[in-house]
């Protein structure tokens, strides 16, 4: 594989990560702007978000070679959870919280694996690892404290989605590399 093909593959993988990040940010923002969301609406929203994330990832799976297995695993997990939730819209609040917690833990494990397997820079790998760790911790909290107030849990779900999504967007655009290049440019200009 020549370097231009490798760059093209990496760009497609970054697009998949970025679109997933954008979906996550939209999901979190919708929850924040809709604090009196019903359980049914939250179920549909979460199902649609995870299904869309899975479908986007599966679409990109066919266009990448590097990271294909990781992207396929992530996408199948997301699409499966989304379909299950959408097919079970009358899920209880407690069951939905457990599903969201399990999704977060599984996503965190997959994202941490991606930090090691994907062809990204060390800075991006660090961001992915931190994002995965946040997801796992969020999932553990969902299992440990499922009976806490509804508003607290909605805020926690929204915060997790926003942090996870923003981190994925930063990885997708190569944020640490862009920042490092700008700092180097400024320091060269000042010297």
N, C-alpha and C. Protein backbone atom coordinates (compact mmCIF):
# COMPACT_ATOMS: atom_id res chain seq x y z
N UNK A 1 0.86 -1.17 0.00
CA UNK A 1 0.00 0.00 0.00
C UNK A 1 0.90 1.23 0.00
N UNK A 2 0.71 2.13 -0.99
CA UNK A 2 1.53 3.33 -1.05
C UNK A 2 1.04 4.36 -0.03
N UNK A 3 1.85 5.42 0.15
CA UNK A 3 1.54 6.39 1.21
C UNK A 3 0.25 7.16 0.93
N UNK A 4 -0.06 7.44 -0.36
CA UNK A 4 -1.30 8.17 -0.64
C UNK A 4 -2.52 7.30 -0.34
N UNK A 5 -2.41 6.00 -0.60
CA UNK A 5 -3.51 5.09 -0.28
C UNK A 5 -3.68 4.97 1.23
N UNK A 6 -2.56 4.91 1.96
CA UNK A 6 -2.62 4.84 3.42
C UNK A 6 -3.25 6.10 4.00
N UNK A 7 -2.90 7.26 3.43
CA UNK A 7 -3.50 8.52 3.91
C UNK A 7 -4.99 8.55 3.61
N UNK A 8 -5.38 8.05 2.45
CA UNK A 8 -6.80 8.00 2.09
C UNK A 8 -7.57 7.09 3.04
N UNK A 9 -6.97 5.96 3.38
CA UNK A 9 -7.59 5.02 4.32
C UNK A 9 -7.75 5.67 5.69
N UNK A 10 -6.71 6.34 6.15
CA UNK A 10 -6.76 7.01 7.45
C UNK A 10 -7.82 8.11 7.45
N UNK A 11 -7.94 8.83 6.34
CA UNK A 11 -8.94 9.89 6.25
C UNK A 11 -10.35 9.30 6.33
N UNK A 12 -10.59 8.18 5.69
CA UNK A 12 -11.91 7.54 5.76
C UNK A 12 -12.22 7.07 7.17
N UNK A 13 -11.21 6.52 7.84
CA UNK A 13 -11.39 6.08 9.22
C UNK A 13 -11.67 7.28 10.12
N UNK A 14 -10.97 8.36 9.91
CA UNK A 14 -11.21 9.58 10.69
C UNK A 14 -12.62 10.12 10.44
N UNK A 15 -13.10 10.02 9.20
CA UNK A 15 -14.47 10.44 8.90
C UNK A 15 -15.47 9.62 9.70
N UNK A 16 -15.27 8.32 9.74
CA UNK A 16 -16.18 7.45 10.49
C UNK A 16 -16.18 7.83 11.97
N UNK A 17 -15.01 8.05 12.53
CA UNK A 17 -14.91 8.45 13.94
C UNK A 17 -15.56 9.82 14.14
N UNK A 18 -15.32 10.73 13.22
CA UNK A 18 -15.87 12.08 13.34
C UNK A 18 -17.39 12.11 13.25
N UNK A 19 -17.95 11.35 12.32
CA UNK A 19 -19.42 11.31 12.20
C UNK A 19 -20.02 10.71 13.46
N UNK A 20 -19.40 9.67 13.99
CA UNK A 20 -19.88 9.08 15.24
C UNK A 20 -19.80 10.11 16.37
N UNK A 21 -18.72 10.87 16.41
CA UNK A 21 -18.58 11.91 17.42
C UNK A 21 -19.66 12.97 17.29
N UNK A 22 -19.96 13.37 16.06
CA UNK A 22 -21.01 14.37 15.83
C UNK A 22 -22.37 13.83 16.27
N UNK A 23 -22.65 12.57 15.97
CA UNK A 23 -23.91 11.96 16.41
C UNK A 23 -24.00 11.95 17.94
N UNK A 24 -22.89 11.65 18.59
CA UNK A 24 -22.87 11.61 20.05
C UNK A 24 -23.10 13.00 20.64
N UNK A 25 -22.50 14.02 20.03
CA UNK A 25 -22.70 15.40 20.51
C UNK A 25 -24.16 15.81 20.33
N UNK A 26 -24.75 15.48 19.19
CA UNK A 26 -26.16 15.81 18.94
C UNK A 26 -27.05 15.10 19.96
N UNK A 27 -26.78 13.84 20.24
CA UNK A 27 -27.55 13.08 21.23
C UNK A 27 -27.46 13.75 22.59
N UNK A 28 -26.25 14.09 23.03
CA UNK A 28 -26.07 14.75 24.32
C UNK A 28 -26.74 16.12 24.37
N UNK A 29 -26.63 16.89 23.29
CA UNK A 29 -27.25 18.21 23.25
C UNK A 29 -28.77 18.11 23.30
N UNK A 30 -29.34 17.13 22.60
CA UNK A 30 -30.79 16.94 22.64
C UNK A 30 -31.27 16.63 24.06
N UNK A 31 -30.53 15.81 24.76
CA UNK A 31 -30.92 15.47 26.14
C UNK A 31 -30.84 16.72 27.03
N UNK A 32 -29.79 17.52 26.86
CA UNK A 32 -29.65 18.74 27.67
C UNK A 32 -30.74 19.75 27.39
N UNK A 33 -31.15 19.85 26.14
CA UNK A 33 -32.17 20.84 25.79
C UNK A 33 -33.59 20.32 26.01
N UNK A 34 -33.72 19.07 26.37
CA UNK A 34 -35.03 18.45 26.58
C UNK A 34 -35.04 17.75 27.94
N UNK A 35 -34.93 18.52 29.03
CA UNK A 35 -34.77 17.92 30.36
C UNK A 35 -36.00 17.13 30.84
N UNK A 36 -37.17 17.42 30.29
CA UNK A 36 -38.36 16.68 30.71
C UNK A 36 -38.72 15.59 29.70
N UNK A 37 -37.69 15.05 29.06
CA UNK A 37 -37.88 13.99 28.07
C UNK A 37 -38.55 12.78 28.71
N UNK A 38 -39.46 12.18 28.00
CA UNK A 38 -40.14 10.99 28.51
C UNK A 38 -39.23 9.78 28.32
N UNK A 39 -39.52 8.73 29.05
CA UNK A 39 -38.75 7.50 28.92
C UNK A 39 -38.86 6.96 27.50
N UNK A 40 -40.07 7.02 26.95
CA UNK A 40 -40.28 6.52 25.59
C UNK A 40 -39.42 7.32 24.59
N UNK A 41 -39.42 8.64 24.71
CA UNK A 41 -38.64 9.48 23.80
C UNK A 41 -37.14 9.24 23.98
N UNK A 42 -36.69 9.08 25.22
CA UNK A 42 -35.28 8.79 25.47
C UNK A 42 -34.90 7.45 24.85
N UNK A 43 -35.79 6.46 24.97
CA UNK A 43 -35.53 5.15 24.39
C UNK A 43 -35.38 5.25 22.88
N UNK A 44 -36.30 5.94 22.24
CA UNK A 44 -36.26 6.10 20.79
C UNK A 44 -35.02 6.89 20.37
N UNK A 45 -34.71 7.94 21.10
CA UNK A 45 -33.55 8.77 20.80
C UNK A 45 -32.25 7.97 20.93
N UNK A 46 -32.11 7.22 22.03
CA UNK A 46 -30.91 6.41 22.23
C UNK A 46 -30.82 5.32 21.16
N UNK A 47 -31.94 4.67 20.87
CA UNK A 47 -31.94 3.63 19.84
C UNK A 47 -31.56 4.19 18.48
N UNK A 48 -32.11 5.35 18.13
CA UNK A 48 -31.80 5.98 16.85
C UNK A 48 -30.33 6.39 16.78
N UNK A 49 -29.81 6.94 17.88
CA UNK A 49 -28.41 7.36 17.93
C UNK A 49 -27.48 6.16 17.74
N UNK A 50 -27.70 5.09 18.50
CA UNK A 50 -26.79 3.95 18.39
C UNK A 50 -26.94 3.23 17.05
N UNK A 51 -28.16 3.14 16.54
CA UNK A 51 -28.36 2.52 15.22
C UNK A 51 -27.69 3.35 14.14
N UNK A 52 -27.86 4.67 14.17
CA UNK A 52 -27.23 5.54 13.17
C UNK A 52 -25.71 5.43 13.25
N UNK A 53 -25.18 5.40 14.46
CA UNK A 53 -23.74 5.25 14.65
C UNK A 53 -23.26 3.94 14.04
N UNK A 54 -24.00 2.88 14.27
CA UNK A 54 -23.63 1.59 13.71
C UNK A 54 -23.71 1.55 12.20
N UNK A 55 -24.75 2.13 11.64
CA UNK A 55 -24.92 2.14 10.18
C UNK A 55 -23.82 2.95 9.51
N UNK A 56 -23.51 4.13 10.07
CA UNK A 56 -22.43 4.95 9.52
C UNK A 56 -21.11 4.18 9.58
N UNK A 57 -20.85 3.55 10.70
CA UNK A 57 -19.62 2.77 10.82
C UNK A 57 -19.57 1.61 9.85
N UNK A 58 -20.69 0.90 9.68
CA UNK A 58 -20.72 -0.21 8.73
C UNK A 58 -20.48 0.28 7.31
N UNK A 59 -21.06 1.42 6.97
CA UNK A 59 -20.86 2.00 5.65
C UNK A 59 -19.37 2.25 5.41
N UNK A 60 -18.69 2.83 6.40
CA UNK A 60 -17.27 3.12 6.26
C UNK A 60 -16.41 1.86 6.35
N UNK A 61 -16.91 0.82 6.97
CA UNK A 61 -16.15 -0.43 7.08
C UNK A 61 -15.77 -0.97 5.71
N UNK A 62 -16.64 -0.78 4.74
CA UNK A 62 -16.38 -1.30 3.41
C UNK A 62 -15.39 -0.45 2.61
N UNK A 63 -15.09 0.74 3.11
CA UNK A 63 -14.19 1.62 2.36
C UNK A 63 -12.80 1.73 2.99
N UNK A 64 -12.57 1.08 4.12
CA UNK A 64 -11.25 1.14 4.75
C UNK A 64 -10.63 -0.25 4.81
N UNK A 65 -9.32 -0.27 4.84
CA UNK A 65 -8.61 -1.53 5.03
C UNK A 65 -7.97 -1.54 6.42
N UNK A 66 -7.33 -0.43 6.77
CA UNK A 66 -6.71 -0.33 8.09
C UNK A 66 -7.79 -0.02 9.11
N UNK A 67 -7.88 -0.81 10.14
CA UNK A 67 -8.87 -0.59 11.18
C UNK A 67 -10.24 -1.16 10.85
N UNK A 68 -10.34 -1.95 9.79
CA UNK A 68 -11.63 -2.49 9.36
C UNK A 68 -12.26 -3.37 10.45
N UNK A 69 -11.48 -4.24 11.06
CA UNK A 69 -12.02 -5.12 12.10
C UNK A 69 -12.54 -4.34 13.29
N UNK A 70 -11.77 -3.33 13.72
CA UNK A 70 -12.19 -2.51 14.84
C UNK A 70 -13.48 -1.77 14.51
N UNK A 71 -13.53 -1.17 13.33
CA UNK A 71 -14.70 -0.41 12.92
C UNK A 71 -15.92 -1.32 12.77
N UNK A 72 -15.72 -2.52 12.25
CA UNK A 72 -16.83 -3.48 12.10
C UNK A 72 -17.35 -3.90 13.47
N UNK A 73 -16.45 -4.18 14.41
CA UNK A 73 -16.86 -4.57 15.76
C UNK A 73 -17.67 -3.46 16.42
N UNK A 74 -17.15 -2.24 16.36
CA UNK A 74 -17.84 -1.08 16.93
C UNK A 74 -19.21 -0.91 16.29
N UNK A 75 -19.25 -0.98 14.98
CA UNK A 75 -20.48 -0.73 14.24
C UNK A 75 -21.53 -1.80 14.50
N UNK A 76 -21.14 -3.05 14.51
CA UNK A 76 -22.10 -4.12 14.79
C UNK A 76 -22.65 -4.03 16.20
N UNK A 77 -21.79 -3.68 17.16
CA UNK A 77 -22.25 -3.51 18.54
C UNK A 77 -23.25 -2.36 18.62
N UNK A 78 -22.93 -1.23 18.01
CA UNK A 78 -23.82 -0.07 18.06
C UNK A 78 -25.14 -0.35 17.35
N UNK A 79 -25.06 -0.91 16.16
CA UNK A 79 -26.29 -1.21 15.41
C UNK A 79 -27.14 -2.24 16.15
N UNK A 80 -26.51 -3.24 16.74
CA UNK A 80 -27.25 -4.26 17.50
C UNK A 80 -27.97 -3.67 18.70
N UNK A 81 -27.29 -2.83 19.45
CA UNK A 81 -27.91 -2.18 20.61
C UNK A 81 -29.05 -1.27 20.14
N UNK A 82 -28.81 -0.52 19.08
CA UNK A 82 -29.84 0.37 18.56
C UNK A 82 -31.08 -0.38 18.12
N UNK A 83 -30.90 -1.46 17.39
CA UNK A 83 -32.05 -2.27 16.95
C UNK A 83 -32.79 -2.88 18.14
N UNK A 84 -32.03 -3.41 19.09
CA UNK A 84 -32.67 -4.02 20.26
C UNK A 84 -33.52 -3.01 21.02
N UNK A 85 -32.99 -1.81 21.21
CA UNK A 85 -33.72 -0.79 21.96
C UNK A 85 -34.94 -0.31 21.16
N UNK A 86 -34.77 -0.13 19.85
CA UNK A 86 -35.90 0.32 19.03
C UNK A 86 -36.99 -0.74 18.93
N UNK A 87 -36.60 -2.01 18.97
CA UNK A 87 -37.59 -3.09 18.91
C UNK A 87 -38.27 -3.32 20.26
N UNK A 88 -37.72 -2.71 21.31
CA UNK A 88 -38.27 -2.86 22.67
C UNK A 88 -38.52 -1.47 23.26
N UNK A 89 -39.40 -0.67 22.63
CA UNK A 89 -39.59 0.72 23.08
C UNK A 89 -40.27 0.84 24.44
N UNK A 90 -40.90 -0.24 24.91
CA UNK A 90 -41.57 -0.19 26.21
C UNK A 90 -40.65 -0.64 27.34
N UNK A 91 -39.35 -0.58 27.11
CA UNK A 91 -38.35 -0.98 28.11
C UNK A 91 -38.54 -0.14 29.38
N UNK A 92 -38.29 -0.74 30.52
CA UNK A 92 -38.42 0.01 31.77
C UNK A 92 -37.24 0.98 31.91
N UNK A 93 -37.41 1.98 32.75
CA UNK A 93 -36.36 2.97 32.96
C UNK A 93 -35.08 2.30 33.47
N UNK A 94 -35.23 1.38 34.41
CA UNK A 94 -34.07 0.70 34.98
C UNK A 94 -33.37 -0.14 33.91
N UNK A 95 -34.14 -0.86 33.11
CA UNK A 95 -33.54 -1.69 32.06
C UNK A 95 -32.80 -0.81 31.04
N UNK A 96 -33.39 0.34 30.68
CA UNK A 96 -32.73 1.23 29.73
C UNK A 96 -31.41 1.75 30.30
N UNK A 97 -31.40 2.09 31.58
CA UNK A 97 -30.16 2.56 32.20
C UNK A 97 -29.09 1.47 32.18
N UNK A 98 -29.50 0.23 32.40
CA UNK A 98 -28.54 -0.87 32.33
C UNK A 98 -28.05 -1.08 30.90
N UNK A 99 -28.94 -0.94 29.93
CA UNK A 99 -28.52 -1.07 28.53
C UNK A 99 -27.53 0.04 28.18
N UNK A 100 -27.82 1.27 28.59
CA UNK A 100 -26.91 2.39 28.33
C UNK A 100 -25.58 2.16 29.04
N UNK A 101 -25.61 1.67 30.27
CA UNK A 101 -24.38 1.37 31.00
C UNK A 101 -23.56 0.28 30.32
N UNK A 102 -24.22 -0.78 29.89
CA UNK A 102 -23.53 -1.86 29.20
C UNK A 102 -22.95 -1.39 27.87
N UNK A 103 -23.73 -0.56 27.17
CA UNK A 103 -23.25 0.01 25.91
C UNK A 103 -21.99 0.84 26.16
N UNK A 104 -22.00 1.66 27.20
CA UNK A 104 -20.86 2.52 27.50
C UNK A 104 -19.62 1.69 27.85
N UNK A 105 -19.79 0.66 28.66
CA UNK A 105 -18.65 -0.18 29.03
C UNK A 105 -18.09 -0.89 27.81
N UNK A 106 -18.97 -1.46 26.99
CA UNK A 106 -18.52 -2.15 25.78
C UNK A 106 -17.85 -1.18 24.82
N UNK A 107 -18.46 -0.02 24.64
CA UNK A 107 -17.87 1.00 23.76
C UNK A 107 -16.50 1.42 24.28
N UNK A 108 -16.39 1.59 25.59
CA UNK A 108 -15.10 1.97 26.18
C UNK A 108 -14.02 0.95 25.92
N UNK A 109 -14.35 -0.32 26.07
CA UNK A 109 -13.38 -1.39 25.81
C UNK A 109 -12.97 -1.39 24.35
N UNK A 110 -13.93 -1.25 23.45
CA UNK A 110 -13.63 -1.24 22.01
C UNK A 110 -12.78 -0.02 21.65
N UNK A 111 -13.11 1.14 22.21
CA UNK A 111 -12.36 2.36 21.91
C UNK A 111 -10.92 2.25 22.44
N UNK A 112 -10.75 1.71 23.63
CA UNK A 112 -9.39 1.52 24.15
C UNK A 112 -8.62 0.55 23.25
N UNK A 113 -9.27 -0.50 22.79
CA UNK A 113 -8.63 -1.41 21.84
C UNK A 113 -8.24 -0.68 20.57
N UNK A 114 -9.13 0.20 20.10
CA UNK A 114 -8.84 0.99 18.90
C UNK A 114 -7.65 1.91 19.08
N UNK A 115 -7.44 2.37 20.30
CA UNK A 115 -6.30 3.24 20.56
C UNK A 115 -4.99 2.52 20.26
N UNK A 116 -4.99 1.21 20.39
CA UNK A 116 -3.78 0.43 20.14
C UNK A 116 -3.73 -0.12 18.71
N UNK A 117 -4.89 -0.42 18.12
CA UNK A 117 -4.92 -1.08 16.82
C UNK A 117 -5.03 -0.13 15.64
N UNK A 118 -5.59 1.04 15.85
CA UNK A 118 -5.81 1.95 14.73
C UNK A 118 -4.52 2.68 14.35
N UNK A 119 -4.39 3.01 13.08
CA UNK A 119 -3.19 3.72 12.63
C UNK A 119 -3.28 5.22 12.89
N UNK A 120 -3.31 5.59 14.16
CA UNK A 120 -3.38 7.00 14.54
C UNK A 120 -2.13 7.36 15.35
N UNK A 121 -1.92 8.66 15.52
CA UNK A 121 -0.74 9.13 16.25
C UNK A 121 -0.84 8.78 17.73
N UNK A 122 0.27 8.93 18.42
CA UNK A 122 0.29 8.65 19.86
C UNK A 122 -0.66 9.57 20.62
N UNK A 123 -0.74 10.84 20.21
CA UNK A 123 -1.64 11.78 20.88
C UNK A 123 -3.10 11.35 20.68
N UNK A 124 -3.43 10.95 19.47
CA UNK A 124 -4.79 10.48 19.21
C UNK A 124 -5.08 9.19 19.97
N UNK A 125 -4.09 8.32 20.07
CA UNK A 125 -4.26 7.09 20.84
C UNK A 125 -4.53 7.40 22.31
N UNK A 126 -3.83 8.39 22.83
CA UNK A 126 -4.05 8.80 24.22
C UNK A 126 -5.46 9.33 24.41
N UNK A 127 -5.92 10.17 23.47
CA UNK A 127 -7.29 10.69 23.55
C UNK A 127 -8.32 9.56 23.46
N UNK A 128 -8.11 8.62 22.56
CA UNK A 128 -9.03 7.48 22.46
C UNK A 128 -9.03 6.67 23.75
N UNK A 129 -7.86 6.44 24.31
CA UNK A 129 -7.78 5.69 25.57
C UNK A 129 -8.53 6.40 26.69
N UNK A 130 -8.34 7.71 26.80
CA UNK A 130 -9.04 8.48 27.83
C UNK A 130 -10.54 8.46 27.60
N UNK A 131 -10.95 8.57 26.35
CA UNK A 131 -12.37 8.51 26.00
C UNK A 131 -12.95 7.15 26.39
N UNK A 132 -12.22 6.09 26.10
CA UNK A 132 -12.67 4.75 26.48
C UNK A 132 -12.76 4.58 27.98
N UNK A 133 -11.80 5.13 28.69
CA UNK A 133 -11.82 5.06 30.15
C UNK A 133 -13.01 5.81 30.72
N UNK A 134 -13.30 6.99 30.17
CA UNK A 134 -14.48 7.75 30.61
C UNK A 134 -15.75 6.94 30.36
N UNK A 135 -15.83 6.28 29.21
CA UNK A 135 -17.00 5.48 28.88
C UNK A 135 -17.17 4.33 29.88
N UNK A 136 -16.08 3.66 30.20
CA UNK A 136 -16.15 2.54 31.16
C UNK A 136 -16.58 3.04 32.53
N UNK A 137 -15.99 4.15 32.99
CA UNK A 137 -16.36 4.70 34.30
C UNK A 137 -17.83 5.13 34.32
N UNK A 138 -18.29 5.73 33.22
CA UNK A 138 -19.69 6.12 33.12
C UNK A 138 -20.59 4.88 33.22
N UNK A 139 -20.24 3.84 32.50
CA UNK A 139 -21.02 2.60 32.54
C UNK A 139 -21.08 2.00 33.94
N UNK A 140 -19.96 2.04 34.63
CA UNK A 140 -19.92 1.52 36.01
C UNK A 140 -20.83 2.34 36.91
N UNK A 141 -20.81 3.68 36.75
CA UNK A 141 -21.68 4.54 37.54
C UNK A 141 -23.14 4.22 37.25
N UNK A 142 -23.47 3.97 35.99
CA UNK A 142 -24.85 3.64 35.63
C UNK A 142 -25.31 2.36 36.32
N UNK A 143 -24.42 1.39 36.46
CA UNK A 143 -24.76 0.16 37.16
C UNK A 143 -24.80 0.35 38.67
N UNK A 144 -23.92 1.19 39.18
CA UNK A 144 -23.81 1.37 40.62
C UNK A 144 -24.90 2.26 41.19
N UNK A 145 -25.33 3.26 40.42
CA UNK A 145 -26.29 4.24 40.93
C UNK A 145 -27.50 4.39 40.00
N UNK A 146 -28.17 3.30 39.63
CA UNK A 146 -29.28 3.44 38.69
C UNK A 146 -30.52 4.09 39.30
N UNK A 147 -30.62 4.14 40.60
CA UNK A 147 -31.81 4.68 41.24
C UNK A 147 -31.74 6.16 41.57
N UNK A 148 -30.60 6.81 41.22
CA UNK A 148 -30.48 8.25 41.49
C UNK A 148 -31.52 9.01 40.69
N UNK A 149 -31.71 10.27 41.01
CA UNK A 149 -32.74 11.08 40.38
C UNK A 149 -32.66 11.09 38.87
N UNK A 150 -33.81 11.21 38.24
CA UNK A 150 -33.89 11.18 36.78
C UNK A 150 -33.09 12.31 36.14
N UNK A 151 -33.18 13.51 36.72
CA UNK A 151 -32.45 14.64 36.13
C UNK A 151 -30.94 14.44 36.24
N UNK A 152 -30.50 13.88 37.36
CA UNK A 152 -29.07 13.62 37.53
C UNK A 152 -28.61 12.62 36.49
N UNK A 153 -29.38 11.56 36.28
CA UNK A 153 -29.00 10.55 35.30
C UNK A 153 -29.04 11.09 33.88
N UNK A 154 -30.04 11.92 33.57
CA UNK A 154 -30.08 12.52 32.24
C UNK A 154 -28.88 13.43 32.02
N UNK A 155 -28.54 14.21 33.03
CA UNK A 155 -27.37 15.09 32.92
C UNK A 155 -26.09 14.27 32.75
N UNK A 156 -26.02 13.15 33.46
CA UNK A 156 -24.85 12.27 33.35
C UNK A 156 -24.76 11.66 31.96
N UNK A 157 -25.89 11.20 31.43
CA UNK A 157 -25.92 10.63 30.07
C UNK A 157 -25.52 11.70 29.06
N UNK A 158 -26.05 12.91 29.20
CA UNK A 158 -25.73 14.00 28.28
C UNK A 158 -24.25 14.36 28.37
N UNK A 159 -23.73 14.46 29.59
CA UNK A 159 -22.32 14.81 29.77
C UNK A 159 -21.42 13.75 29.15
N UNK A 160 -21.73 12.49 29.38
CA UNK A 160 -20.96 11.40 28.78
C UNK A 160 -20.97 11.51 27.26
N UNK A 161 -22.15 11.70 26.68
CA UNK A 161 -22.28 11.79 25.23
C UNK A 161 -21.47 12.95 24.67
N UNK A 162 -21.54 14.08 25.34
CA UNK A 162 -20.81 15.25 24.88
C UNK A 162 -19.29 15.05 24.97
N UNK A 163 -18.81 14.53 26.09
CA UNK A 163 -17.37 14.30 26.25
C UNK A 163 -16.88 13.26 25.24
N UNK A 164 -17.62 12.18 25.11
CA UNK A 164 -17.26 11.11 24.19
C UNK A 164 -17.26 11.64 22.76
N UNK A 165 -18.29 12.38 22.40
CA UNK A 165 -18.40 12.91 21.05
C UNK A 165 -17.34 13.94 20.72
N UNK A 166 -17.08 14.86 21.64
CA UNK A 166 -16.07 15.88 21.40
C UNK A 166 -14.69 15.24 21.27
N UNK A 167 -14.41 14.25 22.09
CA UNK A 167 -13.13 13.56 22.00
C UNK A 167 -12.98 12.89 20.64
N UNK A 168 -14.04 12.24 20.17
CA UNK A 168 -13.98 11.60 18.86
C UNK A 168 -13.81 12.63 17.74
N UNK A 169 -14.46 13.78 17.87
CA UNK A 169 -14.29 14.84 16.87
C UNK A 169 -12.86 15.35 16.85
N UNK A 170 -12.26 15.51 18.02
CA UNK A 170 -10.87 15.97 18.08
C UNK A 170 -9.94 14.93 17.44
N UNK A 171 -10.17 13.65 17.72
CA UNK A 171 -9.37 12.60 17.09
C UNK A 171 -9.59 12.62 15.57
N UNK A 172 -10.82 12.81 15.15
CA UNK A 172 -11.14 12.78 13.72
C UNK A 172 -10.43 13.88 12.95
N UNK A 173 -10.32 15.06 13.55
CA UNK A 173 -9.65 16.16 12.83
C UNK A 173 -8.15 16.17 13.10
N UNK A 174 -7.68 15.25 13.95
CA UNK A 174 -6.25 15.22 14.26
C UNK A 174 -5.86 16.40 15.13
N UNK A 175 -6.71 16.75 16.06
CA UNK A 175 -6.53 17.91 16.92
C UNK A 175 -5.15 18.06 17.54
N UNK A 176 -4.63 17.03 18.22
CA UNK A 176 -3.30 17.19 18.83
C UNK A 176 -2.21 17.50 17.81
N UNK A 177 -2.29 16.88 16.62
CA UNK A 177 -1.29 17.14 15.59
C UNK A 177 -1.41 18.56 15.05
N UNK A 178 -2.63 19.03 14.86
CA UNK A 178 -2.85 20.39 14.38
C UNK A 178 -2.31 21.39 15.40
N UNK A 179 -2.62 21.16 16.67
CA UNK A 179 -2.14 22.05 17.73
C UNK A 179 -0.61 22.06 17.78
N UNK A 180 0.00 20.88 17.71
CA UNK A 180 1.46 20.80 17.77
C UNK A 180 2.09 21.54 16.59
N UNK A 181 1.52 21.39 15.38
CA UNK A 181 2.07 22.08 14.21
C UNK A 181 1.95 23.59 14.36
N UNK A 182 0.84 24.05 14.92
CA UNK A 182 0.67 25.50 15.11
C UNK A 182 1.67 26.04 16.14
N UNK A 183 1.86 25.29 17.22
CA UNK A 183 2.82 25.72 18.24
C UNK A 183 4.22 25.76 17.63
N UNK A 184 4.57 24.75 16.83
CA UNK A 184 5.89 24.73 16.18
C UNK A 184 6.04 25.91 15.23
N UNK A 185 4.99 26.24 14.49
CA UNK A 185 5.04 27.36 13.56
C UNK A 185 5.23 28.68 14.31
N UNK A 186 4.52 28.84 15.43
CA UNK A 186 4.65 30.06 16.21
C UNK A 186 6.03 30.18 16.83
N UNK A 187 6.55 29.08 17.34
CA UNK A 187 7.88 29.14 17.97
C UNK A 187 8.97 29.38 16.93
N UNK A 188 8.81 28.83 15.70
CA UNK A 188 9.78 29.12 14.63
C UNK A 188 9.71 30.59 14.22
N UNK A 189 8.50 31.13 14.14
CA UNK A 189 8.33 32.53 13.75
C UNK A 189 8.91 33.47 14.81
N UNK A 190 8.78 33.07 16.08
CA UNK A 190 9.29 33.91 17.17
C UNK A 190 10.82 33.84 17.28
N UNK A 191 11.39 32.77 16.78
CA UNK A 191 12.85 32.59 16.92
C UNK A 191 13.64 33.31 15.89
